Amino acid sequence: EVQLVETGGGSVQAGGSLRLSCAASELSFDDYAIAWFRQAPGKEREAVSCFDNMDQETYYSDSVKGRFTISRNRAKNTVNLQMDSLNDEGTAIYYCAAGTAVYWADEGEYDYWGQGIQVSVSS
């Protein structure tokens, strides 16, 4: 059974940093796009970033571009999201997802999802 597990969440003050990691069992990231989505309280889930292992491209939403960095650790079969200069908008549950997505920001194109991890940013 494929499982995605997110780690690294927690609480941080505005302006601080956190690093999320997505690990997979029974799935190799080589053939998938791995994305991070987030859902803030009272809001719809939104795409944050994607590492597309099929074409080695990275994608970011406008709201995080320049502050977040997505990367892959091949040895550990993880995809990491380094989040710097966090602001109040960063408070959300963050999910990693795996799929053969044509359009990276469309959550309907992802087949596997983690349970989510909480990130809280205080001002």
Protein backbone atom coordinates (compact mmCIF):
# COMPACT_ATOMS: atom_id res chain seq x y z
CA GLU A 1 0.00 0.00 0.00
CA VAL A 2 1.38 3.40 -0.98
CA GLN A 3 1.79 5.81 1.88
CA LEU A 4 3.01 9.39 1.94
CA VAL A 5 4.12 10.80 5.28
CA GLU A 6 4.81 14.45 5.99
CA THR A 7 7.21 15.51 8.73
CA GLY A 8 8.73 18.76 9.93
CA GLY A 9 5.71 20.85 10.76
CA GLY A 10 5.29 22.92 13.89
CA SER A 11 5.06 26.47 15.14
CA VAL A 12 7.25 29.37 14.14
CA GLN A 13 7.21 33.13 14.45
CA ALA A 14 6.60 35.29 11.42
CA GLY A 15 9.79 35.69 9.45
CA GLY A 16 11.05 32.30 10.54
CA SER A 17 11.68 29.08 8.64
CA LEU A 18 10.51 25.49 8.61
CA ARG A 19 11.44 22.52 6.48
CA LEU A 20 8.83 19.96 5.53
CA SER A 21 9.67 16.53 4.23
CA CYS A 22 7.54 14.03 2.32
CA ALA A 23 8.55 10.38 2.41
CA ALA A 24 6.95 7.55 0.52
CA SER A 25 6.60 3.83 1.03
CA GLU A 26 5.83 1.45 -1.85
CA LEU A 27 6.35 4.25 -4.35
CA SER A 28 9.39 5.60 -6.14
CA PHE A 29 9.34 9.31 -6.81
CA ASP A 30 11.16 8.77 -10.13
CA ASP A 31 7.90 8.44 -12.04
CA TYR A 32 5.81 11.04 -10.27
CA ALA A 33 5.28 14.70 -9.74
CA ILE A 34 5.40 15.43 -6.02
CA ALA A 35 3.52 18.48 -4.90
CA TRP A 36 2.79 20.35 -1.73
CA PHE A 37 -0.67 21.75 -1.11
CA ARG A 38 -1.96 23.62 1.90
CA GLN A 39 -5.31 24.36 3.44
CA ALA A 40 -5.74 27.30 5.76
CA PRO A 41 -8.65 27.49 8.22
CA GLY A 42 -11.84 28.34 6.38
CA LYS A 43 -10.20 28.27 2.98
CA GLU A 44 -9.94 25.87 0.10
CA ARG A 45 -6.85 23.77 -0.41
CA GLU A 46 -4.32 25.46 -2.68
CA ALA A 47 -1.23 24.34 -4.55
CA VAL A 48 2.07 25.56 -3.15
CA SER A 49 4.88 23.88 -5.05
CA CYS A 50 5.76 20.87 -7.15
CA PHE A 51 8.84 18.86 -8.05
CA ASP A 52 8.17 17.06 -11.29
CA ASN A 53 10.53 14.08 -11.43
CA MET A 54 9.53 13.33 -14.99
CA ASP A 55 10.94 16.53 -16.45
CA GLN A 56 12.95 17.74 -13.45
CA GLU A 57 11.03 20.99 -13.31
CA THR A 58 9.98 22.87 -10.19
CA TYR A 59 6.88 25.00 -9.82
CA TYR A 60 5.71 27.52 -7.24
CA SER A 61 2.59 29.48 -6.58
CA ASP A 62 2.97 33.24 -6.82
CA SER A 63 2.35 33.59 -3.09
CA VAL A 64 5.44 31.57 -2.13
CA LYS A 65 7.79 32.18 -5.04
CA GLY A 66 11.13 33.43 -3.82
CA ARG A 67 10.53 32.26 -0.24
CA PHE A 68 9.93 28.51 -0.57
CA THR A 69 12.27 26.00 -2.18
CA ILE A 70 11.33 22.47 -3.18
CA SER A 71 13.97 19.80 -3.62
CA ARG A 72 14.38 16.07 -3.83
CA ASN A 73 16.68 13.85 -1.80
CA ARG A 74 17.20 10.79 -3.97
CA ALA A 75 19.05 8.80 -1.35
CA LYS A 76 16.19 9.13 1.13
CA ASN A 77 13.39 9.13 -1.48
CA THR A 78 11.98 12.30 -0.02
CA VAL A 79 10.83 15.64 -1.37
CA ASN A 80 11.47 18.59 0.88
CA LEU A 81 9.93 22.03 1.11
CA GLN A 82 12.12 24.69 2.67
CA MET A 83 9.89 27.52 3.81
CA ASP A 84 11.60 30.82 4.61
CA SER A 85 10.20 34.23 5.55
CA LEU A 86 6.98 32.66 6.70
CA ASN A 87 4.03 34.96 7.25
CA ASP A 88 0.50 34.56 8.58
CA GLU A 89 -0.63 33.04 5.29
CA GLY A 90 1.65 30.12 6.05
CA THR A 91 -0.62 28.87 8.81
CA ALA A 92 -2.26 25.81 7.31
CA ILE A 93 -2.26 22.07 7.08
CA TYR A 94 0.30 21.06 4.48
CA TYR A 95 -0.18 17.97 2.34
CA CYS A 96 2.16 16.22 -0.02
CA ALA A 97 0.74 14.46 -3.02
CA ALA A 98 2.06 12.22 -5.78
CA GLY A 99 0.70 11.89 -9.29
CA THR A 100 1.45 12.00 -12.98
CA ALA A 101 0.10 15.52 -13.16
CA VAL A 102 -0.14 17.39 -16.43
CA TYR A 103 -1.01 20.64 -14.67
CA TRP A 104 0.84 20.70 -11.39
CA ALA A 105 -1.59 22.87 -9.46
CA ASP A 106 -4.66 20.74 -10.15
CA GLU A 107 -5.21 18.56 -7.08
CA GLY A 108 -7.45 16.27 -9.10
CA GLU A 109 -4.39 14.98 -10.95
CA TYR A 110 -2.75 13.50 -7.86
CA ASP A 111 -3.35 9.90 -6.94
CA TYR A 112 -1.77 9.65 -3.50
CA TRP A 113 -1.97 12.01 -0.55
CA GLY A 114 -0.41 12.23 2.86
CA GLN A 115 -2.41 12.85 6.01
CA GLY A 116 -1.22 16.41 6.31
CA ILE A 117 0.88 18.25 8.85
CA GLN A 118 0.16 21.45 10.73
CA VAL A 119 2.23 24.59 10.29
CA SER A 120 1.41 27.55 12.50
CA VAL A 121 2.92 30.99 12.06
CA SER A 122 2.51 33.53 14.84
CA SER A 123 3.00 37.25 14.48
